[in-house]
N, C-alpha and C. Protein backbone atom coordinates (compact mmCIF):
# COMPACT_ATOMS: atom_id res chain seq x y z
N UNK A 1 -31.82 16.64 10.43
CA UNK A 1 -31.41 17.01 8.93
C UNK A 1 -30.22 16.76 8.32
N UNK A 2 -29.01 16.83 9.09
CA UNK A 2 -27.81 16.43 8.63
C UNK A 2 -27.71 15.10 8.35
N UNK A 3 -28.31 14.24 9.25
CA UNK A 3 -28.51 12.61 9.11
C UNK A 3 -29.03 12.33 7.54
N UNK A 4 -29.99 12.90 7.38
CA UNK A 4 -30.81 12.67 6.11
C UNK A 4 -29.91 13.16 4.99
N UNK A 5 -29.20 14.32 5.00
CA UNK A 5 -28.36 14.86 4.07
C UNK A 5 -27.18 13.62 3.77
N UNK A 6 -26.73 13.08 4.67
CA UNK A 6 -25.69 12.10 4.82
C UNK A 6 -26.19 10.88 4.08
N UNK A 7 -27.28 10.59 4.59
CA UNK A 7 -27.84 9.41 3.67
C UNK A 7 -28.18 9.48 2.24
N UNK A 8 -28.51 10.74 2.07
CA UNK A 8 -28.85 11.12 0.69
C UNK A 8 -27.73 10.95 -0.12
N UNK A 9 -26.62 11.57 0.29
CA UNK A 9 -25.18 11.59 -0.36
C UNK A 9 -24.75 10.05 -0.44
N UNK A 10 -24.86 9.38 0.48
CA UNK A 10 -24.33 8.01 0.23
C UNK A 10 -25.05 7.27 -0.60
N UNK A 11 -26.44 7.35 -0.88
CA UNK A 11 -27.03 6.63 -1.82
C UNK A 11 -26.74 7.11 -3.38
N UNK A 12 -26.56 8.31 -3.58
CA UNK A 12 -26.23 9.08 -4.80
C UNK A 12 -25.01 8.62 -4.99
N UNK A 13 -23.98 8.57 -4.11
CA UNK A 13 -22.67 8.37 -4.48
C UNK A 13 -22.42 6.86 -4.79
N UNK A 14 -23.02 5.93 -4.08
CA UNK A 14 -22.90 4.51 -4.32
C UNK A 14 -23.40 4.24 -5.74
N UNK A 15 -24.50 4.67 -6.15
CA UNK A 15 -25.05 4.45 -7.22
C UNK A 15 -24.32 4.93 -8.30
N UNK A 16 -23.49 6.05 -8.46
CA UNK A 16 -22.55 6.62 -9.47
C UNK A 16 -21.23 5.47 -9.52
N UNK A 17 -21.07 5.00 -8.49
CA UNK A 17 -19.98 4.05 -8.40
C UNK A 17 -20.30 2.60 -9.10
N UNK A 18 -21.76 2.34 -8.86
CA UNK A 18 -22.05 1.05 -9.47
C UNK A 18 -21.99 1.11 -10.83
N UNK A 19 -22.54 2.18 -11.48
CA UNK A 19 -22.54 2.38 -12.77
C UNK A 19 -21.48 2.14 -13.58
N UNK A 20 -20.17 2.32 -12.99
CA UNK A 20 -18.97 2.05 -13.73
C UNK A 20 -18.31 1.04 -13.38
N UNK A 21 -18.80 -0.01 -13.06
CA UNK A 21 -18.52 -1.30 -12.66
C UNK A 21 -18.19 -2.30 -13.91
N UNK A 22 -17.08 -2.79 -13.99
CA UNK A 22 -16.64 -3.87 -14.97
C UNK A 22 -15.61 -4.68 -14.63
N UNK A 23 -15.69 -5.94 -15.30
CA UNK A 23 -14.56 -7.00 -14.79
C UNK A 23 -13.50 -7.10 -15.82
N UNK A 24 -12.27 -6.91 -15.43
CA UNK A 24 -11.14 -6.88 -16.26
C UNK A 24 -10.94 -8.34 -16.73
N UNK A 25 -10.74 -8.57 -18.22
CA UNK A 25 -10.37 -9.70 -18.96
C UNK A 25 -9.11 -10.41 -18.14
N UNK A 26 -9.13 -11.83 -18.11
CA UNK A 26 -8.24 -12.46 -17.68
C UNK A 26 -6.83 -12.05 -18.60
N UNK A 27 -5.84 -12.06 -17.97
CA UNK A 27 -4.45 -11.53 -18.46
C UNK A 27 -4.27 -10.49 -18.92
N UNK A 28 -5.25 -9.40 -18.58
CA UNK A 28 -4.90 -7.99 -18.71
C UNK A 28 -4.01 -7.25 -17.45
N UNK A 29 -3.52 -6.12 -18.05
CA UNK A 29 -2.67 -5.47 -17.02
C UNK A 29 -3.45 -5.16 -15.69
N UNK A 30 -4.79 -4.64 -16.00
CA UNK A 30 -5.54 -4.35 -14.99
C UNK A 30 -5.86 -5.41 -13.93
N UNK A 31 -6.16 -6.54 -14.52
CA UNK A 31 -6.46 -7.66 -13.61
C UNK A 31 -5.13 -7.87 -12.65
N UNK A 32 -4.15 -8.20 -13.44
CA UNK A 32 -2.89 -8.31 -12.72
C UNK A 32 -2.60 -7.38 -11.60
N UNK A 33 -2.59 -5.95 -11.87
CA UNK A 33 -2.47 -5.05 -10.97
C UNK A 33 -3.36 -5.11 -9.83
N UNK A 34 -4.67 -5.49 -10.00
CA UNK A 34 -5.61 -5.66 -8.75
C UNK A 34 -5.20 -6.98 -7.79
N UNK A 35 -4.65 -7.93 -8.58
CA UNK A 35 -4.33 -9.27 -7.66
C UNK A 35 -2.92 -8.80 -7.06
N UNK A 36 -1.97 -8.05 -7.62
CA UNK A 36 -0.68 -7.63 -7.07
C UNK A 36 -1.06 -6.66 -5.87
N UNK A 37 -2.12 -5.75 -6.04
CA UNK A 37 -2.25 -4.72 -4.99
C UNK A 37 -2.84 -5.65 -3.58
N UNK A 38 -3.79 -6.48 -3.88
CA UNK A 38 -4.08 -7.35 -2.79
C UNK A 38 -3.08 -8.28 -2.21
N UNK A 39 -2.53 -8.94 -2.91
CA UNK A 39 -1.32 -10.20 -2.40
C UNK A 39 -0.73 -9.87 -1.41
N UNK A 40 0.12 -8.61 -1.15
CA UNK A 40 0.86 -8.63 0.07
C UNK A 40 0.09 -8.49 1.42
N UNK A 41 -1.05 -7.90 1.50
CA UNK A 41 -2.07 -7.89 2.55
C UNK A 41 -2.42 -9.46 2.82
N UNK A 42 -2.83 -10.04 1.85
CA UNK A 42 -3.13 -11.49 2.16
C UNK A 42 -2.00 -12.41 2.56
N UNK A 43 -0.89 -12.18 2.04
CA UNK A 43 0.14 -12.91 2.41
C UNK A 43 0.72 -12.71 3.96
N UNK A 44 0.46 -11.35 4.23
CA UNK A 44 0.75 -10.76 5.40
C UNK A 44 -0.26 -11.38 6.66
N UNK A 45 -1.44 -11.64 6.17
CA UNK A 45 -2.50 -12.26 7.31
C UNK A 45 -2.30 -13.76 7.14
N UNK A 46 -1.97 -14.31 6.11
CA UNK A 46 -1.73 -15.86 6.16
C UNK A 46 -0.55 -16.19 6.54
N UNK A 47 0.72 -15.40 6.43
CA UNK A 47 1.92 -15.74 6.77
C UNK A 47 2.76 -16.40 5.96
N UNK A 48 2.40 -16.66 4.56
CA UNK A 48 2.95 -17.43 3.62
C UNK A 48 2.71 -16.83 2.07
N UNK A 49 3.56 -17.11 1.03
CA UNK A 49 3.20 -16.69 -0.27
C UNK A 49 1.75 -17.43 -0.52
N UNK A 50 0.88 -16.74 -1.69
CA UNK A 50 -0.16 -17.13 -1.98
C UNK A 50 -0.18 -17.02 -3.56
N UNK A 51 -1.21 -17.75 -4.18
CA UNK A 51 -1.41 -17.64 -5.55
C UNK A 51 -2.95 -17.39 -5.70
N UNK A 52 -3.57 -16.52 -6.52
CA UNK A 52 -4.92 -16.40 -6.49
C UNK A 52 -5.32 -17.15 -7.80
N UNK A 53 -6.54 -17.97 -7.50
CA UNK A 53 -7.31 -18.68 -8.54
C UNK A 53 -8.38 -18.12 -8.49
N UNK A 54 -8.89 -17.16 -9.61
CA UNK A 54 -10.13 -16.39 -9.57
C UNK A 54 -11.10 -16.91 -10.69
N UNK A 55 -12.08 -17.31 -10.16
CA UNK A 55 -13.20 -17.68 -11.09
C UNK A 55 -13.98 -16.48 -11.70
N UNK A 56 -14.23 -15.72 -10.69
CA UNK A 56 -15.18 -14.43 -10.92
C UNK A 56 -14.57 -13.30 -10.09
N UNK A 57 -14.69 -12.19 -10.74
CA UNK A 57 -13.94 -10.95 -10.18
C UNK A 57 -15.07 -10.02 -9.91
């Protein structure tokens, strides 16, 4: 019963988040903030500075 309840909550929760999805336009502060947030992790993984070239976000 507990597993079923967990699955139902996950399904409901994931559909709620999917409804709020949007792609920030190029050059916006939001898009820049997203790239700046992930950049340190990627640079740490690759061991050198990177520049993102994003076709689709």
